[in-house]
Amino acid sequence: MEPLAPQSSAVLALLPLAARVAGLLLVAPIFGSAVIPIRLRLLTALVLAVAVAGQIAPSPAPASIGELAVTCGLELALGAAIGWAAALIFAGVELAAAHVATQMGVSLGEALGGAGDEGGSPVAAAYRIIAIAAFLLIGGHRELLGALLDTLRIVPVGGLAVKAGAVAAAAALLKASFVLALKVAAPVLIAMLLATVAMGLLYRALPSCHILSTGLPVRAMLGLLVMALSVAGVAWAVQAAWTLTGKTLSDFLGGLG
């Protein structure tokens, strides 16, 4: 491996720290939004790394280019893991929105190609906006950056070592995402089940009633009504999921130190 020049050691020692910050900014919700250019996110990561470097113990500079590449790769993966933990909350909301849209019948346009690249059904967009608003209101973006700074104390730059506790914590994060999806979708799914039973009884009493032509509008209107009434519940579920994610993330980081 080609050794690194001594005069560049101070600059190169900063790159692994910048890689950890970049991993978070590339994957985390809001920070990793597609509307933010990747170059801007990478530049922000470098600026944050310079700002934080003076507050932590200096890490030894890599001895070669190969060691630098491996260290930066591991640090990038660690930052991405932290962002992935927060992104699972939004993944749970997206999963719930997909089931709700299917039961309401509003995903037919997406299935026929009407959604295109516009971000899915309107139901998914509505749930996404609610989740983003709740995440910002509870200060999730600030806590996410705080968690990144805490990793510098728990897992120093270049000190990543995966242990068994990290795998268990990752499984717990996936479980929390599915539980959140169930909580978010439950009100609408229950309403759709009751609507199906009611329309079945109506069709049995009035066989001449065109259940297909009347069922879809009724389900869509009922679903939208339940969605409007359960907005506060969705925000509460996101807040509870983020609280659980914060605790699990601490265990996850503890399993990496």
Protein backbone atom coordinates (compact mmCIF):
# COMPACT_ATOMS: atom_id res chain seq x y z
CA MET A 1 0.00 0.00 0.00
CA GLU A 2 1.22 3.45 -0.83
CA PRO A 3 2.05 5.41 2.36
CA LEU A 4 0.50 8.81 2.91
CA ALA A 5 2.50 12.01 3.07
CA PRO A 6 3.07 13.22 6.66
CA GLN A 7 2.15 16.80 5.82
CA SER A 8 -1.33 15.70 4.73
CA SER A 9 -2.05 13.57 7.82
CA ALA A 10 -4.12 16.28 9.56
CA VAL A 11 -6.41 16.67 6.57
CA LEU A 12 -6.72 12.95 5.91
CA ALA A 13 -7.54 12.26 9.56
CA LEU A 14 -10.63 14.42 9.04
CA LEU A 15 -11.97 12.33 6.15
CA PRO A 16 -13.26 9.36 8.24
CA LEU A 17 -15.18 11.78 10.48
CA ALA A 18 -16.65 13.48 7.40
CA ALA A 19 -17.57 10.05 6.02
CA ARG A 20 -19.57 9.25 9.16
CA VAL A 21 -21.50 12.51 8.90
CA ALA A 22 -22.01 11.98 5.17
CA GLY A 23 -23.51 8.54 5.79
CA LEU A 24 -26.17 10.10 7.98
CA LEU A 25 -26.92 12.94 5.56
CA LEU A 26 -27.24 10.54 2.63
CA VAL A 27 -29.71 8.14 4.27
CA ALA A 28 -31.55 9.90 7.10
CA PRO A 29 -35.07 11.22 6.52
CA ILE A 30 -35.36 14.91 5.60
CA PHE A 31 -31.56 15.27 5.43
CA GLY A 32 -31.38 12.60 2.74
CA SER A 33 -34.27 13.96 0.69
CA ALA A 34 -33.85 13.66 -3.06
CA VAL A 35 -34.56 17.38 -3.46
CA ILE A 36 -31.24 18.17 -1.75
CA PRO A 37 -28.30 17.73 -4.16
CA ILE A 38 -25.77 15.10 -3.15
CA ARG A 39 -22.92 17.58 -3.59
CA LEU A 40 -24.57 19.92 -1.09
CA ARG A 41 -24.98 17.10 1.41
CA LEU A 42 -21.34 16.08 1.04
CA LEU A 43 -20.20 19.68 1.48
CA THR A 44 -22.40 19.98 4.58
CA ALA A 45 -20.84 16.81 5.96
CA LEU A 46 -17.35 18.25 5.50
CA VAL A 47 -18.32 21.52 7.20
CA LEU A 48 -19.89 19.68 10.15
CA ALA A 49 -16.82 17.46 10.45
CA VAL A 50 -14.56 20.51 10.66
CA ALA A 51 -16.85 22.05 13.29
CA VAL A 52 -16.89 18.91 15.43
CA ALA A 53 -13.24 17.90 15.02
CA GLY A 54 -12.04 20.35 17.69
CA GLN A 55 -14.44 18.93 20.31
CA ILE A 56 -13.30 15.31 20.18
CA ALA A 57 -10.05 13.52 20.79
CA PRO A 58 -7.91 13.49 17.62
CA SER A 59 -7.86 10.17 15.83
CA PRO A 60 -4.63 8.74 14.41
CA ALA A 61 -4.14 9.40 10.72
CA PRO A 62 -4.34 6.32 8.44
CA ALA A 63 -0.95 4.95 7.50
CA SER A 64 -1.82 4.16 3.88
CA ILE A 65 -4.41 4.81 1.20
CA GLY A 66 -5.86 1.32 1.68
CA GLU A 67 -6.32 1.84 5.41
CA LEU A 68 -7.90 5.24 4.73
CA ALA A 69 -10.36 3.71 2.26
CA VAL A 70 -11.38 0.94 4.66
CA THR A 71 -11.79 3.34 7.57
CA CYS A 72 -13.87 5.78 5.52
CA GLY A 73 -16.04 2.91 4.29
CA LEU A 74 -16.74 1.71 7.83
CA GLU A 75 -17.46 5.23 9.06
CA LEU A 76 -19.80 5.84 6.12
CA ALA A 77 -21.65 2.62 6.98
CA LEU A 78 -21.97 3.66 10.63
CA GLY A 79 -23.46 7.03 9.73
CA ALA A 80 -25.81 5.37 7.26
CA ALA A 81 -26.90 2.90 9.97
CA ILE A 82 -27.94 5.78 12.21
CA GLY A 83 -29.88 7.39 9.37
CA TRP A 84 -31.40 4.01 8.48
CA ALA A 85 -32.76 3.66 12.02
CA ALA A 86 -34.68 6.92 11.63
CA ALA A 87 -35.71 6.10 8.06
CA LEU A 88 -37.42 2.94 9.31
CA ILE A 89 -40.06 5.17 10.94
CA PHE A 90 -40.97 6.61 7.57
CA ALA A 91 -40.78 3.15 6.02
CA GLY A 92 -43.42 2.00 8.50
CA VAL A 93 -45.64 4.94 7.56
CA GLU A 94 -45.16 4.19 3.86
CA LEU A 95 -46.11 0.55 4.44
CA ALA A 96 -49.26 1.60 6.27
CA ALA A 97 -50.14 4.06 3.50
CA ALA A 98 -49.78 1.34 0.87
CA HIS A 99 -52.22 -0.95 2.67
CA VAL A 100 -54.67 1.90 3.32
CA ALA A 101 -54.60 3.00 -0.33
CA THR A 102 -55.22 -0.57 -1.49
CA GLN A 103 -58.19 -1.06 0.83
CA MET A 104 -59.68 2.31 -0.11
CA GLY A 105 -59.33 1.53 -3.80
CA VAL A 106 -57.38 4.69 -4.59
CA SER A 107 -54.30 2.74 -5.66
CA LEU A 108 -55.98 1.59 -8.85
CA GLY A 109 -54.61 4.62 -10.70
CA GLU A 110 -51.09 3.76 -9.57
CA ALA A 111 -51.56 0.16 -10.69
CA LEU A 112 -52.70 1.34 -14.11
CA GLY A 113 -49.73 3.67 -14.46
CA GLY A 114 -51.35 6.92 -13.45
CA ALA A 115 -48.95 7.69 -10.58
CA GLY A 116 -45.77 7.47 -12.66
CA ASP A 117 -42.82 9.02 -10.86
CA GLU A 118 -44.86 11.46 -8.83
CA GLY A 119 -44.29 9.71 -5.51
CA GLY A 120 -47.12 7.17 -5.33
CA SER A 121 -50.77 7.60 -4.43
CA PRO A 122 -52.21 10.74 -2.80
CA VAL A 123 -52.82 8.69 0.34
CA ALA A 124 -49.11 7.89 0.61
CA ALA A 125 -48.25 11.56 0.04
CA ALA A 126 -50.69 12.63 2.78
CA TYR A 127 -49.28 10.17 5.31
CA ARG A 128 -45.74 11.18 4.35
CA ILE A 129 -46.49 14.85 5.02
CA ILE A 130 -48.06 14.02 8.38
CA ALA A 131 -45.03 11.93 9.38
CA ILE A 132 -42.57 14.66 8.34
CA ALA A 133 -44.53 17.32 10.24
CA ALA A 134 -44.68 15.15 13.37
CA PHE A 135 -40.97 14.32 13.12
CA LEU A 136 -40.04 18.00 12.88
CA LEU A 137 -42.39 19.04 15.69
CA ILE A 138 -40.91 16.55 18.15
CA GLY A 139 -37.40 17.69 17.21
CA GLY A 140 -36.39 14.42 15.61
CA HIS A 141 -33.96 16.15 13.24
CA ARG A 142 -32.10 17.74 16.16
CA GLU A 143 -32.05 14.49 18.14
CA LEU A 144 -30.72 12.70 15.07
CA LEU A 145 -27.75 15.05 14.85
CA GLY A 146 -27.31 14.70 18.62
CA ALA A 147 -27.19 10.93 18.25
CA LEU A 148 -24.50 11.32 15.60
CA LEU A 149 -22.43 13.43 17.97
CA ASP A 150 -22.93 10.87 20.74
CA THR A 151 -21.44 8.19 18.52
CA LEU A 152 -18.13 10.05 18.62
CA ARG A 153 -18.03 9.33 22.35
CA ILE A 154 -19.41 5.78 22.20
CA VAL A 155 -17.65 4.69 19.01
CA PRO A 156 -14.50 6.76 18.33
CA VAL A 157 -13.45 7.31 14.75
CA GLY A 158 -11.78 4.12 13.58
CA GLY A 159 -13.04 2.11 16.59
CA LEU A 160 -15.99 0.33 14.97
CA ALA A 161 -16.43 -3.28 16.10
CA VAL A 162 -19.73 -5.08 15.48
CA LYS A 163 -20.95 -7.20 18.41
CA ALA A 164 -23.99 -9.42 19.01
CA GLY A 165 -25.97 -6.60 20.65
CA ALA A 166 -25.97 -4.60 17.41
CA VAL A 167 -27.77 -7.38 15.53
CA ALA A 168 -30.46 -7.66 18.21
CA ALA A 169 -30.96 -3.89 18.20
CA ALA A 170 -31.31 -3.85 14.40
CA ALA A 171 -34.00 -6.55 14.65
CA ALA A 172 -35.79 -4.46 17.28
CA LEU A 173 -35.76 -1.46 14.93
CA LEU A 174 -37.36 -3.52 12.17
CA LYS A 175 -40.00 -4.76 14.61
CA ALA A 176 -40.77 -1.18 15.68
CA SER A 177 -41.26 -0.21 12.03
CA PHE A 178 -43.84 -2.95 11.46
CA VAL A 179 -45.63 -2.10 14.72
CA LEU A 180 -45.83 1.54 13.62
CA ALA A 181 -47.30 0.49 10.27
CA LEU A 182 -49.99 -1.51 12.08
CA LYS A 183 -50.85 1.38 14.39
CA VAL A 184 -51.08 3.90 11.56
CA ALA A 185 -53.18 1.71 9.28
CA ALA A 186 -55.42 0.16 11.94
CA PRO A 187 -58.19 2.84 12.04
CA VAL A 188 -58.73 2.85 8.28
CA LEU A 189 -58.41 -0.93 7.96
CA ILE A 190 -61.02 -1.47 10.67
CA ALA A 191 -63.33 1.02 8.97
CA MET A 192 -62.85 -0.77 5.63
CA LEU A 193 -63.67 -4.12 7.27
CA LEU A 194 -66.89 -2.74 8.72
CA ALA A 195 -67.76 -1.15 5.37
CA THR A 196 -67.22 -4.47 3.61
CA VAL A 197 -69.53 -6.26 6.05
CA ALA A 198 -72.17 -3.54 5.72
CA MET A 199 -72.06 -3.59 1.92
CA GLY A 200 -72.25 -7.37 1.95
CA LEU A 201 -75.41 -7.26 4.05
CA LEU A 202 -76.83 -4.57 1.77
CA TYR A 203 -76.16 -6.64 -1.32
CA ARG A 204 -77.78 -9.65 0.31
CA ALA A 205 -80.90 -7.61 1.08
CA LEU A 206 -80.91 -5.82 -2.31
CA PRO A 207 -79.37 -8.12 -4.94
CA SER A 208 -80.15 -5.59 -7.66
CA CYS A 209 -77.81 -3.03 -6.05
CA HIS A 210 -74.62 -2.59 -8.09
CA ILE A 211 -72.15 -3.18 -5.29
CA LEU A 212 -69.07 -2.57 -7.46
CA SER A 213 -70.21 0.84 -8.71
CA THR A 214 -71.26 2.05 -5.27
CA GLY A 215 -68.71 0.27 -3.12
CA LEU A 216 -65.55 2.05 -4.31
CA PRO A 217 -66.83 5.62 -3.76
CA VAL A 218 -68.18 4.67 -0.34
CA ARG A 219 -64.90 3.06 0.71
CA ALA A 220 -62.86 6.00 -0.57
CA MET A 221 -65.01 8.60 1.19
CA LEU A 222 -65.10 6.61 4.42
CA GLY A 223 -61.35 6.09 4.30
CA LEU A 224 -60.67 9.79 3.81
CA LEU A 225 -62.98 10.63 6.71
CA VAL A 226 -61.21 8.18 9.03
CA MET A 227 -57.83 9.49 7.86
CA ALA A 228 -58.84 13.04 8.76
CA LEU A 229 -60.07 11.95 12.19
CA SER A 230 -56.91 9.93 12.92
CA VAL A 231 -54.29 12.58 12.06
CA ALA A 232 -53.52 13.17 15.74
CA GLY A 233 -53.20 9.42 16.26
CA VAL A 234 -50.69 9.13 13.43
CA ALA A 235 -48.59 11.93 14.93
CA TRP A 236 -48.72 10.23 18.34
CA ALA A 237 -47.68 6.90 16.80
CA VAL A 238 -44.71 8.55 15.07
CA GLN A 239 -43.65 10.20 18.32
CA ALA A 240 -43.89 6.91 20.24
CA ALA A 241 -41.94 5.11 17.51
CA TRP A 242 -39.20 7.74 17.57
CA THR A 243 -38.90 7.48 21.37
CA LEU A 244 -38.52 3.71 21.08
CA THR A 245 -36.07 4.14 18.21
CA GLY A 246 -33.92 6.47 20.33
CA LYS A 247 -33.65 3.87 23.09
CA THR A 248 -32.97 1.07 20.66
CA LEU A 249 -30.42 3.18 18.81
CA SER A 250 -28.48 3.61 22.06
CA ASP A 251 -28.35 -0.18 22.40
CA PHE A 252 -27.35 -0.46 18.76
CA LEU A 253 -24.46 1.95 19.18
CA GLY A 254 -23.46 0.23 22.39
CA GLY A 255 -23.12 -2.98 20.39
CA LEU A 256 -20.75 -1.28 17.96
CA GLY A 257 -18.31 0.22 20.44
